[in-house]
Amino acid sequence: MMRESLGHDEYGSANPFDPDDLAQLNAMGPVVGSGNDFEKYAVAVIIVFGALIIGGLMAASMAFGHRNGFLFALGGATAAWISGNALLLDRPRIYALFVGIAAVMLIASTITLVT
């Protein structure tokens, strides 16, 4: 097989990798050079907790006139928001603590809504 010119593959497009190095690149895996992906998980935590679950609990508590349920949901939303920021700042223990606080407050909000 005839080697292509440096930096180009057989289709003429620029290729930053030497084809002979692909085995070595695959052995290193996708982690090399990618840093951490905590940002994706932090955004997911903020969106899921904040918009879907807690927003629904807050709206239901307001609709049925349960002030305590609303305040528990608001506290859970705040704790979940803080946990998302803790994950973004790479603080896993603080993240776990605030996820636990948010879960307890959301369970309390659900209990006040049901009873």
PDB file of N, CA and C in Angstrom:
ATOM      1  N   MET A   1       0.843  -1.173   0.000  1.00  0.00           N
ATOM      2  CA  MET A   1       0.000   0.000   0.000  1.00  0.00           C
ATOM      3  C   MET A   1       0.892   1.242   0.000  1.00  0.00           C
ATOM      4  N   MET A   2       0.540   2.162  -0.834  1.00  0.00           N
ATOM      5  CA  MET A   2       1.324   3.383  -0.949  1.00  0.00           C
ATOM      6  C   MET A   2       0.934   4.369   0.144  1.00  0.00           C
ATOM      7  N   ARG A   3       1.931   4.893   0.846  1.00  0.00           N
ATOM      8  CA  ARG A   3       1.679   5.846   1.926  1.00  0.00           C
ATOM      9  C   ARG A   3       1.268   7.182   1.348  1.00  0.00           C
ATOM     10  N   GLU A   4       0.303   7.806   1.995  1.00  0.00           N
ATOM     11  CA  GLU A   4      -0.153   9.128   1.584  1.00  0.00           C
ATOM     12  C   GLU A   4       0.812  10.179   2.116  1.00  0.00           C
ATOM     13  N   SER A   5       0.668  11.383   1.608  1.00  0.00           N
ATOM     14  CA  SER A   5       1.526  12.452   2.086  1.00  0.00           C
ATOM     15  C   SER A   5       1.218  12.743   3.548  1.00  0.00           C
ATOM     16  N   LEU A   6       2.167  13.342   4.208  1.00  0.00           N
ATOM     17  CA  LEU A   6       2.056  13.604   5.635  1.00  0.00           C
ATOM     18  C   LEU A   6       0.838  14.471   5.944  1.00  0.00           C
ATOM     19  N   GLY A   7       0.011  14.021   6.884  1.00  0.00           N
ATOM     20  CA  GLY A   7      -1.145  14.796   7.314  1.00  0.00           C
ATOM     21  C   GLY A   7      -2.388  14.593   6.470  1.00  0.00           C
ATOM     22  N   HIS A   8      -2.365  13.726   5.475  1.00  0.00           N
ATOM     23  CA  HIS A   8      -3.539  13.488   4.646  1.00  0.00           C
ATOM     24  C   HIS A   8      -3.799  11.990   4.554  1.00  0.00           C
ATOM     25  N   ASP A   9      -5.087  11.637   4.502  1.00  0.00           N
ATOM     26  CA  ASP A   9      -5.417  10.233   4.308  1.00  0.00           C
ATOM     27  C   ASP A   9      -5.710   9.989   2.831  1.00  0.00           C
ATOM     28  N   GLU A  10      -6.216   8.800   2.489  1.00  0.00           N
ATOM     29  CA  GLU A  10      -6.427   8.469   1.077  1.00  0.00           C
ATOM     30  C   GLU A  10      -7.536   9.296   0.434  1.00  0.00           C
ATOM     31  N   TYR A  11      -8.353   9.957   1.242  1.00  0.00           N
ATOM     32  CA  TYR A  11      -9.419  10.802   0.697  1.00  0.00           C
ATOM     33  C   TYR A  11      -9.000  12.254   0.573  1.00  0.00           C
ATOM     34  N   GLY A  12      -7.817  12.585   0.990  1.00  0.00           N
ATOM     35  CA  GLY A  12      -7.309  13.931   0.853  1.00  0.00           C
ATOM     36  C   GLY A  12      -7.614  14.842   2.024  1.00  0.00           C
ATOM     37  N   SER A  13      -8.275  14.312   3.064  1.00  0.00           N
ATOM     38  CA  SER A  13      -8.588  15.161   4.211  1.00  0.00           C
ATOM     39  C   SER A  13      -7.453  15.089   5.229  1.00  0.00           C
ATOM     40  N   ALA A  14      -7.339  16.136   6.008  1.00  0.00           N
ATOM     41  CA  ALA A  14      -6.268  16.204   7.000  1.00  0.00           C
ATOM     42  C   ALA A  14      -6.550  15.212   8.117  1.00  0.00           C
ATOM     43  N   ASN A  15      -5.523  14.519   8.553  1.00  0.00           N
ATOM     44  CA  ASN A  15      -5.656  13.530   9.602  1.00  0.00           C
ATOM     45  C   ASN A  15      -4.534  13.769  10.608  1.00  0.00           C
ATOM     46  N   PRO A  16      -4.868  14.128  11.863  1.00  0.00           N
ATOM     47  CA  PRO A  16      -3.808  14.432  12.822  1.00  0.00           C
ATOM     48  C   PRO A  16      -3.088  13.202  13.362  1.00  0.00           C
ATOM     49  N   PHE A  17      -3.631  11.987  13.117  1.00  0.00           N
ATOM     50  CA  PHE A  17      -3.043  10.781  13.671  1.00  0.00           C
ATOM     51  C   PHE A  17      -2.403   9.949  12.575  1.00  0.00           C
ATOM     52  N   ASP A  18      -1.310   9.345  12.925  1.00  0.00           N
ATOM     53  CA  ASP A  18      -0.681   8.388  12.038  1.00  0.00           C
ATOM     54  C   ASP A  18      -1.447   7.076  12.163  1.00  0.00           C
ATOM     55  N   PRO A  19      -1.845   6.449  11.059  1.00  0.00           N
ATOM     56  CA  PRO A  19      -2.611   5.197  11.159  1.00  0.00           C
ATOM     57  C   PRO A  19      -1.885   4.103  11.939  1.00  0.00           C
ATOM     58  N   ASP A  20      -0.569   4.158  11.954  1.00  0.00           N
ATOM     59  CA  ASP A  20       0.178   3.152  12.700  1.00  0.00           C
ATOM     60  C   ASP A  20       0.056   3.355  14.204  1.00  0.00           C
ATOM     61  N   ASP A  21      -0.363   4.547  14.632  1.00  0.00           N
ATOM     62  CA  ASP A  21      -0.494   4.851  16.053  1.00  0.00           C
ATOM     63  C   ASP A  21      -1.882   4.526  16.611  1.00  0.00           C
ATOM     64  N   LEU A  22      -2.820   4.087  15.786  1.00  0.00           N
ATOM     65  CA  LEU A  22      -4.184   3.855  16.252  1.00  0.00           C
ATOM     66  C   LEU A  22      -4.249   2.784  17.337  1.00  0.00           C
ATOM     67  N   ALA A  23      -3.453   1.747  17.216  1.00  0.00           N
ATOM     68  CA  ALA A  23      -3.467   0.704  18.242  1.00  0.00           C
ATOM     69  C   ALA A  23      -3.029   1.264  19.587  1.00  0.00           C
ATOM     70  N   GLN A  24      -2.034   2.125  19.562  1.00  0.00           N
ATOM     71  CA  GLN A  24      -1.571   2.739  20.806  1.00  0.00           C
ATOM     72  C   GLN A  24      -2.618   3.708  21.362  1.00  0.00           C
ATOM     73  N   LEU A  25      -3.269   4.479  20.498  1.00  0.00           N
ATOM     74  CA  LEU A  25      -4.302   5.407  20.958  1.00  0.00           C
ATOM     75  C   LEU A  25      -5.477   4.654  21.569  1.00  0.00           C
ATOM     76  N   ASN A  26      -5.881   3.553  20.950  1.00  0.00           N
ATOM     77  CA  ASN A  26      -6.991   2.765  21.493  1.00  0.00           C
ATOM     78  C   ASN A  26      -6.613   2.114  22.811  1.00  0.00           C
ATOM     79  N   ALA A  27      -5.348   1.776  22.995  1.00  0.00           N
ATOM     80  CA  ALA A  27      -4.911   1.163  24.246  1.00  0.00           C
ATOM     81  C   ALA A  27      -4.981   2.162  25.390  1.00  0.00           C
ATOM     82  N   MET A  28      -4.766   3.459  25.085  1.00  0.00           N
ATOM     83  CA  MET A  28      -4.831   4.483  26.130  1.00  0.00           C
ATOM     84  C   MET A  28      -6.263   4.720  26.574  1.00  0.00           C
ATOM     85  N   GLY A  29      -7.225   4.564  25.691  1.00  0.00           N
ATOM     86  CA  GLY A  29      -8.625   4.725  26.046  1.00  0.00           C
ATOM     87  C   GLY A  29      -9.108   6.153  25.916  1.00  0.00           C
ATOM     88  N   PRO A  30     -10.412   6.345  26.115  1.00  0.00           N
ATOM     89  CA  PRO A  30     -10.997   7.673  25.928  1.00  0.00           C
ATOM     90  C   PRO A  30     -10.700   8.635  27.071  1.00  0.00           C
ATOM     91  N   VAL A  31     -10.153   8.147  28.180  1.00  0.00           N
ATOM     92  CA  VAL A  31      -9.934   8.999  29.337  1.00  0.00           C
ATOM     93  C   VAL A  31      -8.767   9.954  29.120  1.00  0.00           C
ATOM     94  N   VAL A  32      -7.816   9.553  28.319  1.00  0.00           N
ATOM     95  CA  VAL A  32      -6.615  10.357  28.147  1.00  0.00           C
ATOM     96  C   VAL A  32      -6.969  11.666  27.456  1.00  0.00           C
ATOM     97  N   GLY A  33      -6.640  12.759  28.112  1.00  0.00           N
ATOM     98  CA  GLY A  33      -6.845  14.061  27.515  1.00  0.00           C
ATOM     99  C   GLY A  33      -8.239  14.622  27.658  1.00  0.00           C
ATOM    100  N   SER A  34      -9.183  13.845  28.160  1.00  0.00           N
ATOM    101  CA  SER A  34     -10.551  14.354  28.229  1.00  0.00           C
ATOM    102  C   SER A  34     -10.850  15.028  29.549  1.00  0.00           C
ATOM    103  N   GLY A  35      -9.966  14.946  30.516  1.00  0.00           N
ATOM    104  CA  GLY A  35     -10.230  15.563  31.817  1.00  0.00           C
ATOM    105  C   GLY A  35     -11.338  14.809  32.523  1.00  0.00           C
ATOM    106  N   ASN A  36     -12.127  15.532  33.320  1.00  0.00           N
ATOM    107  CA  ASN A  36     -13.251  14.872  33.968  1.00  0.00           C
ATOM    108  C   ASN A  36     -14.550  15.346  33.334  1.00  0.00           C
ATOM    109  N   ASP A  37     -15.562  14.526  33.433  1.00  0.00           N
ATOM    110  CA  ASP A  37     -16.852  14.841  32.836  1.00  0.00           C
ATOM    111  C   ASP A  37     -17.884  15.161  33.904  1.00  0.00           C
ATOM    112  N   PHE A  38     -17.451  15.758  35.017  1.00  0.00           N
ATOM    113  CA  PHE A  38     -18.384  16.089  36.080  1.00  0.00           C
ATOM    114  C   PHE A  38     -19.386  17.152  35.637  1.00  0.00           C
ATOM    115  N   GLU A  39     -19.010  17.977  34.660  1.00  0.00           N
ATOM    116  CA  GLU A  39     -19.898  19.042  34.221  1.00  0.00           C
ATOM    117  C   GLU A  39     -21.195  18.485  33.659  1.00  0.00           C
ATOM    118  N   LYS A  40     -21.110  17.412  32.886  1.00  0.00           N
ATOM    119  CA  LYS A  40     -22.311  16.809  32.304  1.00  0.00           C
ATOM    120  C   LYS A  40     -23.242  16.300  33.400  1.00  0.00           C
ATOM    121  N   TYR A  41     -22.676  15.640  34.402  1.00  0.00           N
ATOM    122  CA  TYR A  41     -23.497  15.098  35.478  1.00  0.00           C
ATOM    123  C   TYR A  41     -24.079  16.208  36.342  1.00  0.00           C
ATOM    124  N   ALA A  42     -23.324  17.275  36.554  1.00  0.00           N
ATOM    125  CA  ALA A  42     -23.827  18.394  37.348  1.00  0.00           C
ATOM    126  C   ALA A  42     -25.012  19.050  36.659  1.00  0.00           C
ATOM    127  N   VAL A  43     -24.917  19.239  35.372  1.00  0.00           N
ATOM    128  CA  VAL A  43     -26.029  19.830  34.631  1.00  0.00           C
ATOM    129  C   VAL A  43     -27.241  18.907  34.669  1.00  0.00           C
ATOM    130  N   ALA A  44     -27.014  17.612  34.552  1.00  0.00           N
ATOM    131  CA  ALA A  44     -28.127  16.662  34.621  1.00  0.00           C
ATOM    132  C   ALA A  44     -28.805  16.702  35.988  1.00  0.00           C
ATOM    133  N   VAL A  45     -28.013  16.792  37.043  1.00  0.00           N
ATOM    134  CA  VAL A  45     -28.577  16.866  38.390  1.00  0.00           C
ATOM    135  C   VAL A  45     -29.407  18.140  38.552  1.00  0.00           C
ATOM    136  N   ILE A  46     -28.888  19.262  38.100  1.00  0.00           N
ATOM    137  CA  ILE A  46     -29.605  20.529  38.230  1.00  0.00           C
ATOM    138  C   ILE A  46     -30.912  20.485  37.443  1.00  0.00           C
ATOM    139  N   ILE A  47     -30.878  19.973  36.232  1.00  0.00           N
ATOM    140  CA  ILE A  47     -32.083  19.958  35.401  1.00  0.00           C
ATOM    141  C   ILE A  47     -33.121  18.990  35.946  1.00  0.00           C
ATOM    142  N   VAL A  48     -32.719  17.756  36.247  1.00  0.00           N
ATOM    143  CA  VAL A  48     -33.685  16.756  36.678  1.00  0.00           C
ATOM    144  C   VAL A  48     -34.295  17.118  38.021  1.00  0.00           C
ATOM    145  N   PHE A  49     -33.446  17.429  39.008  1.00  0.00           N
ATOM    146  CA  PHE A  49     -33.989  17.770  40.315  1.00  0.00           C
ATOM    147  C   PHE A  49     -34.784  19.070  40.247  1.00  0.00           C
ATOM    148  N   GLY A  50     -34.193  20.083  39.668  1.00  0.00           N
ATOM    149  CA  GLY A  50     -34.790  21.413  39.695  1.00  0.00           C
ATOM    150  C   GLY A  50     -36.058  21.533  38.885  1.00  0.00           C
ATOM    151  N   ALA A  51     -36.014  21.135  37.647  1.00  0.00           N
ATOM    152  CA  ALA A  51     -37.128  21.409  36.749  1.00  0.00           C
ATOM    153  C   ALA A  51     -38.255  20.398  36.865  1.00  0.00           C
ATOM    154  N   LEU A  52     -37.948  19.131  36.855  1.00  0.00           N
ATOM    155  CA  LEU A  52     -39.003  18.132  36.776  1.00  0.00           C
ATOM    156  C   LEU A  52     -39.602  17.754  38.131  1.00  0.00           C
ATOM    157  N   ILE A  53     -38.799  17.209  39.000  1.00  0.00           N
ATOM    158  CA  ILE A  53     -39.316  16.658  40.250  1.00  0.00           C
ATOM    159  C   ILE A  53     -39.744  17.755  41.208  1.00  0.00           C
ATOM    160  N   ILE A  54     -38.862  18.679  41.489  1.00  0.00           N
ATOM    161  CA  ILE A  54     -39.140  19.674  42.513  1.00  0.00           C
ATOM    162  C   ILE A  54     -40.159  20.695  42.014  1.00  0.00           C
ATOM    163  N   GLY A  55     -40.074  21.048  40.756  1.00  0.00           N
ATOM    164  CA  GLY A  55     -41.067  21.964  40.200  1.00  0.00           C
ATOM    165  C   GLY A  55     -42.470  21.392  40.288  1.00  0.00           C
ATOM    166  N   GLY A  56     -42.608  20.110  40.039  1.00  0.00           N
ATOM    167  CA  GLY A  56     -43.915  19.462  40.159  1.00  0.00           C
ATOM    168  C   GLY A  56     -44.410  19.413  41.595  1.00  0.00           C
ATOM    169  N   LEU A  57     -43.507  19.124  42.520  1.00  0.00           N
ATOM    170  CA  LEU A  57     -43.904  19.113  43.931  1.00  0.00           C
ATOM    171  C   LEU A  57     -44.302  20.500  44.412  1.00  0.00           C
ATOM    172  N   MET A  58     -43.571  21.498  43.998  1.00  0.00           N
ATOM    173  CA  MET A  58     -43.894  22.860  44.402  1.00  0.00           C
ATOM    174  C   MET A  58     -45.245  23.283  43.820  1.00  0.00           C
ATOM    175  N   ALA A  59     -45.483  22.972  42.567  1.00  0.00           N
ATOM    176  CA  ALA A  59     -46.748  23.342  41.933  1.00  0.00           C
ATOM    177  C   ALA A  59     -47.927  22.612  42.580  1.00  0.00           C
ATOM    178  N   ALA A  60     -47.751  21.325  42.870  1.00  0.00           N
ATOM    179  CA  ALA A  60     -48.825  20.572  43.502  1.00  0.00           C
ATOM    180  C   ALA A  60     -49.104  21.087  44.911  1.00  0.00           C
ATOM    181  N   SER A  61     -48.064  21.420  45.643  1.00  0.00           N
ATOM    182  CA  SER A  61     -48.253  21.944  46.999  1.00  0.00           C
ATOM    183  C   SER A  61     -48.960  23.292  46.967  1.00  0.00           C
ATOM    184  N   MET A  62     -48.621  24.119  46.001  1.00  0.00           N
ATOM    185  CA  MET A  62     -49.305  25.410  45.884  1.00  0.00           C
ATOM    186  C   MET A  62     -50.756  25.223  45.463  1.00  0.00           C
ATOM    187  N   ALA A  63     -50.998  24.285  44.567  1.00  0.00           N
ATOM    188  CA  ALA A  63     -52.360  24.076  44.070  1.00  0.00           C
ATOM    189  C   ALA A  63     -53.280  23.559  45.171  1.00  0.00           C
ATOM    190  N   PHE A  64     -52.771  22.717  46.048  1.00  0.00           N
ATOM    191  CA  PHE A  64     -53.589  22.160  47.130  1.00  0.00           C
ATOM    192  C   PHE A  64     -53.505  22.991  48.408  1.00  0.00           C
ATOM    193  N   GLY A  65     -52.715  24.060  48.407  1.00  0.00           N
ATOM    194  CA  GLY A  65     -52.638  24.950  49.555  1.00  0.00           C
ATOM    195  C   GLY A  65     -51.830  24.420  50.721  1.00  0.00           C
ATOM    196  N   HIS A  66     -50.868  23.568  50.461  1.00  0.00           N
ATOM    197  CA  HIS A  66     -50.008  23.029  51.516  1.00  0.00           C
ATOM    198  C   HIS A  66     -48.726  23.866  51.593  1.00  0.00           C
ATOM    199  N   ARG A  67     -48.716  24.796  52.521  1.00  0.00           N
ATOM    200  CA  ARG A  67     -47.561  25.688  52.656  1.00  0.00           C
ATOM    201  C   ARG A  67     -46.318  24.921  53.077  1.00  0.00           C
ATOM    202  N   ASN A  68     -46.455  23.983  54.015  1.00  0.00           N
ATOM    203  CA  ASN A  68     -45.287  23.219  54.486  1.00  0.00           C
ATOM    204  C   ASN A  68     -44.697  22.373  53.363  1.00  0.00           C
ATOM    205  N   GLY A  69     -45.542  21.760  52.562  1.00  0.00           N
ATOM    206  CA  GLY A  69     -45.044  20.970  51.427  1.00  0.00           C
ATOM    207  C   GLY A  69     -44.282  21.823  50.433  1.00  0.00           C
ATOM    208  N   PHE A  70     -44.790  23.042  50.201  1.00  0.00           N
ATOM    209  CA  PHE A  70     -44.090  23.964  49.307  1.00  0.00           C
ATOM    210  C   PHE A  70     -42.726  24.336  49.863  1.00  0.00           C
ATOM    211  N   LEU A  71     -42.676  24.628  51.165  1.00  0.00           N
ATOM    212  CA  LEU A  71     -41.399  25.029  51.761  1.00  0.00           C
ATOM    213  C   LEU A  71     -40.394  23.879  51.792  1.00  0.00           C
ATOM    214  N   PHE A  72     -40.879  22.649  52.043  1.00  0.00           N
ATOM    215  CA  PHE A  72     -39.973  21.494  51.977  1.00  0.00           C
ATOM    216  C   PHE A  72     -39.441  21.308  50.551  1.00  0.00           C
ATOM    217  N   ALA A  73     -40.321  21.473  49.557  1.00  0.00           N
ATOM    218  CA  ALA A  73     -39.881  21.336  48.165  1.00  0.00           C
ATOM    219  C   ALA A  73     -38.895  22.441  47.793  1.00  0.00           C
ATOM    220  N   LEU A  74     -39.129  23.647  48.306  1.00  0.00           N
ATOM    221  CA  LEU A  74     -38.200  24.743  48.049  1.00  0.00           C
ATOM    222  C   LEU A  74     -36.835  24.466  48.691  1.00  0.00           C
ATOM    223  N   GLY A  75     -36.841  23.932  49.899  1.00  0.00           N
ATOM    224  CA  GLY A  75     -35.584  23.546  50.549  1.00  0.00           C
ATOM    225  C   GLY A  75     -34.885  22.427  49.801  1.00  0.00           C
ATOM    226  N   GLY A  76     -35.659  21.464  49.306  1.00  0.00           N
ATOM    227  CA  GLY A  76     -35.078  20.385  48.507  1.00  0.00           C
ATOM    228  C   GLY A  76     -34.488  20.902  47.211  1.00  0.00           C
ATOM    229  N   ALA A  77     -35.171  21.877  46.595  1.00  0.00           N
ATOM    230  CA  ALA A  77     -34.651  22.474  45.360  1.00  0.00           C
ATOM    231  C   ALA A  77     -33.331  23.193  45.623  1.00  0.00           C
ATOM    232  N   THR A  78     -33.279  23.903  46.732  1.00  0.00           N
ATOM    233  CA  THR A  78     -32.049  24.615  47.074  1.00  0.00           C
ATOM    234  C   THR A  78     -30.909  23.638  47.348  1.00  0.00           C
ATOM    235  N   ALA A  79     -31.199  22.579  48.091  1.00  0.00           N
ATOM    236  CA  ALA A  79     -30.163  21.577  48.380  1.00  0.00           C
ATOM    237  C   ALA A  79     -29.701  20.879  47.104  1.00  0.00           C
ATOM    238  N   ALA A  80     -30.639  20.579  46.199  1.00  0.00           N
ATOM    239  CA  ALA A  80     -30.260  19.941  44.937  1.00  0.00           C
ATOM    240  C   ALA A  80     -29.425  20.880  44.076  1.00  0.00           C
ATOM    241  N   TRP A  81     -29.765  22.165  44.100  1.00  0.00           N
ATOM    242  CA  TRP A  81     -28.995  23.150  43.338  1.00  0.00           C
ATOM    243  C   TRP A  81     -27.570  23.242  43.885  1.00  0.00           C
ATOM    244  N   ILE A  82     -27.447  23.256  45.201  1.00  0.00           N
ATOM    245  CA  ILE A  82     -26.118  23.302  45.819  1.00  0.00           C
ATOM    246  C   ILE A  82     -25.339  22.025  45.494  1.00  0.00           C
ATOM    247  N   SER A  83     -26.026  20.873  45.482  1.00  0.00           N
ATOM    248  CA  SER A  83     -25.326  19.622  45.172  1.00  0.00           C
ATOM    249  C   SER A  83     -24.811  19.616  43.738  1.00  0.00           C
ATOM    250  N   GLY A  84     -25.586  20.195  42.820  1.00  0.00           N
ATOM    251  CA  GLY A  84     -25.107  20.290  41.437  1.00  0.00           C
ATOM    252  C   GLY A  84     -23.857  21.145  41.332  1.00  0.00           C
ATOM    253  N   ASN A  85     -23.846  22.232  42.080  1.00  0.00           N
ATOM    254  CA  ASN A  85     -22.654  23.084  42.081  1.00  0.00           C
ATOM    255  C   ASN A  85     -21.476  22.401  42.761  1.00  0.00           C
ATOM    256  N   ALA A  86     -21.747  21.616  43.808  1.00  0.00           N
ATOM    257  CA  ALA A  86     -20.664  20.885  44.475  1.00  0.00           C
ATOM    258  C   ALA A  86     -20.050  19.857  43.534  1.00  0.00           C
ATOM    259  N   LEU A  87     -20.886  19.203  42.739  1.00  0.00           N
ATOM    260  CA  LEU A  87     -20.359  18.246  41.776  1.00  0.00           C
ATOM    261  C   LEU A  87     -19.562  18.958  40.691  1.00  0.00           C
ATOM    262  N   LEU A  88     -20.032  20.124  40.293  1.00  0.00           N
ATOM    263  CA  LEU A  88     -19.317  20.912  39.299  1.00  0.00           C
ATOM    264  C   LEU A  88     -17.944  21.329  39.809  1.00  0.00           C
ATOM    265  N   LEU A  89     -17.837  21.589  41.103  1.00  0.00           N
ATOM    266  CA  LEU A  89     -16.572  21.990  41.709  1.00  0.00           C
ATOM    267  C   LEU A  89     -15.760  20.803  42.227  1.00  0.00           C
ATOM    268  N   ASP A  90     -16.192  19.578  41.879  1.00  0.00           N
ATOM    269  CA  ASP A  90     -15.463  18.350  42.215  1.00  0.00           C
ATOM    270  C   ASP A  90     -15.352  18.151  43.723  1.00  0.00           C
ATOM    271  N   ARG A  91     -16.485  18.257  44.413  1.00  0.00           N
ATOM    272  CA  ARG A  91     -16.578  18.005  45.850  1.00  0.00           C
ATOM    273  C   ARG A  91     -17.580  16.883  46.085  1.00  0.00           C
ATOM    274  N   PRO A  92     -17.159  15.617  45.912  1.00  0.00           N
ATOM    275  CA  PRO A  92     -18.129  14.510  45.956  1.00  0.00           C
ATOM    276  C   PRO A  92     -18.788  14.308  47.315  1.00  0.00           C
ATOM    277  N   ARG A  93     -18.108  14.582  48.413  1.00  0.00           N
ATOM    278  CA  ARG A  93     -18.728  14.384  49.732  1.00  0.00           C
ATOM    279  C   ARG A  93     -19.801  15.437  50.001  1.00  0.00           C
ATOM    280  N   ILE A  94     -19.515  16.674  49.625  1.00  0.00           N
ATOM    281  CA  ILE A  94     -20.525  17.727  49.772  1.00  0.00           C
ATOM    282  C   ILE A  94     -21.710  17.430  48.861  1.00  0.00           C
ATOM    283  N   TYR A  95     -21.417  16.930  47.663  1.00  0.00           N
ATOM    284  CA  TYR A  95     -22.474  16.535  46.730  1.00  0.00           C
ATOM    285  C   TYR A  95     -23.378  15.477  47.353  1.00  0.00           C
ATOM    286  N   ALA A  96     -22.783  14.438  47.912  1.00  0.00           N
ATOM    287  CA  ALA A  96     -23.570  13.364  48.526  1.00  0.00           C
ATOM    288  C   ALA A  96     -24.389  13.875  49.707  1.00  0.00           C
ATOM    289  N   LEU A  97     -23.812  14.739  50.514  1.00  0.00           N
ATOM    290  CA  LEU A  97     -24.528  15.303  51.653  1.00  0.00           C
ATOM    291  C   LEU A  97     -25.763  16.072  51.203  1.00  0.00           C
ATOM    292  N   PHE A  98     -25.606  16.942  50.206  1.00  0.00           N
ATOM    293  CA  PHE A  98     -26.733  17.750  49.769  1.00  0.00           C
ATOM    294  C   PHE A  98     -27.753  16.960  48.959  1.00  0.00           C
ATOM    295  N   VAL A  99     -27.334  15.920  48.280  1.00  0.00           N
ATOM    296  CA  VAL A  99     -28.312  15.038  47.634  1.00  0.00           C
ATOM    297  C   VAL A  99     -29.149  14.332  48.696  1.00  0.00           C
ATOM    298  N   GLY A 100     -28.510  13.907  49.775  1.00  0.00           N
ATOM    299  CA  GLY A 100     -29.253  13.297  50.883  1.00  0.00           C
ATOM    300  C   GLY A 100     -30.225  14.273  51.529  1.00  0.00           C
ATOM    301  N   ILE A 101     -29.777  15.511  51.748  1.00  0.00           N
ATOM    302  CA  ILE A 101     -30.664  16.530  52.321  1.00  0.00           C
ATOM    303  C   ILE A 101     -31.836  16.787  51.378  1.00  0.00           C
ATOM    304  N   ALA A 102     -31.562  16.894  50.091  1.00  0.00           N
ATOM    305  CA  ALA A 102     -32.627  17.128  49.121  1.00  0.00           C
ATOM    306  C   ALA A 102     -33.616  15.969  49.103  1.00  0.00           C
ATOM    307  N   ALA A 103     -33.107  14.747  49.171  1.00  0.00           N
ATOM    308  CA  ALA A 103     -33.999  13.584  49.164  1.00  0.00           C
ATOM    309  C   ALA A 103     -34.899  13.573  50.389  1.00  0.00           C
ATOM    310  N   VAL A 104     -34.340  13.869  51.555  1.00  0.00           N
ATOM    311  CA  VAL A 104     -35.147  13.891  52.785  1.00  0.00           C
ATOM    312  C   VAL A 104     -36.207  14.984  52.714  1.00  0.00           C
ATOM    313  N   MET A 105     -35.833  16.153  52.228  1.00  0.00           N
ATOM    314  CA  MET A 105     -36.799  17.251  52.132  1.00  0.00           C
ATOM    315  C   MET A 105     -37.882  16.968  51.095  1.00  0.00           C
ATOM    316  N   LEU A 106     -37.519  16.309  50.020  1.00  0.00           N
ATOM    317  CA  LEU A 106     -38.530  15.986  49.011  1.00  0.00           C
ATOM    318  C   LEU A 106     -39.461  14.881  49.487  1.00  0.00           C
ATOM    319  N   ILE A 107     -38.947  13.950  50.264  1.00  0.00           N
ATOM    320  CA  ILE A 107     -39.819  12.933  50.864  1.00  0.00           C
ATOM    321  C   ILE A 107     -40.772  13.591  51.848  1.00  0.00           C
ATOM    322  N   ALA A 108     -40.262  14.547  52.649  1.00  0.00           N
ATOM    323  CA  ALA A 108     -41.125  15.274  53.579  1.00  0.00           C
ATOM    324  C   ALA A 108     -42.177  16.079  52.826  1.00  0.00           C
ATOM    325  N   SER A 109     -41.818  16.673  51.702  1.00  0.00           N
ATOM    326  CA  SER A 109     -42.786  17.419  50.914  1.00  0.00           C
ATOM    327  C   SER A 109     -43.856  16.502  50.351  1.00  0.00           C
ATOM    328  N   THR A 110     -43.466  15.323  49.913  1.00  0.00           N
ATOM    329  CA  THR A 110     -44.427  14.359  49.401  1.00  0.00           C
ATOM    330  C   THR A 110     -45.358  13.880  50.495  1.00  0.00           C
ATOM    331  N   ILE A 111     -44.810  13.635  51.677  1.00  0.00           N
ATOM    332  CA  ILE A 111     -45.651  13.187  52.797  1.00  0.00           C
ATOM    333  C   ILE A 111     -46.660  14.267  53.199  1.00  0.00           C
ATOM    334  N   THR A 112     -46.236  15.528  53.249  1.00  0.00           N
ATOM    335  CA  THR A 112     -47.182  16.584  53.591  1.00  0.00           C
ATOM    336  C   THR A 112     -48.226  16.772  52.504  1.00  0.00           C
ATOM    337  N   LEU A 113     -47.881  16.475  51.284  1.00  0.00           N
ATOM    338  CA  LEU A 113     -48.837  16.590  50.182  1.00  0.00           C
ATOM    339  C   LEU A 113     -49.859  15.473  50.201  1.00  0.00           C
ATOM    340  N   VAL A 114     -49.420  14.277  50.568  1.00  0.00           N
ATOM    341  CA  VAL A 114     -50.313  13.115  50.567  1.00  0.00           C
ATOM    342  C   VAL A 114     -51.228  13.114  51.795  1.00  0.00           C
ATOM    343  N   THR A 115     -50.700  13.509  52.953  1.00  0.00           N
ATOM    344  CA  THR A 115     -51.526  13.457  54.167  1.00  0.00           C
ATOM    345  C   THR A 115     -52.343  14.705  54.376  1.00  0.00           C
TER     346      THR A 115
END
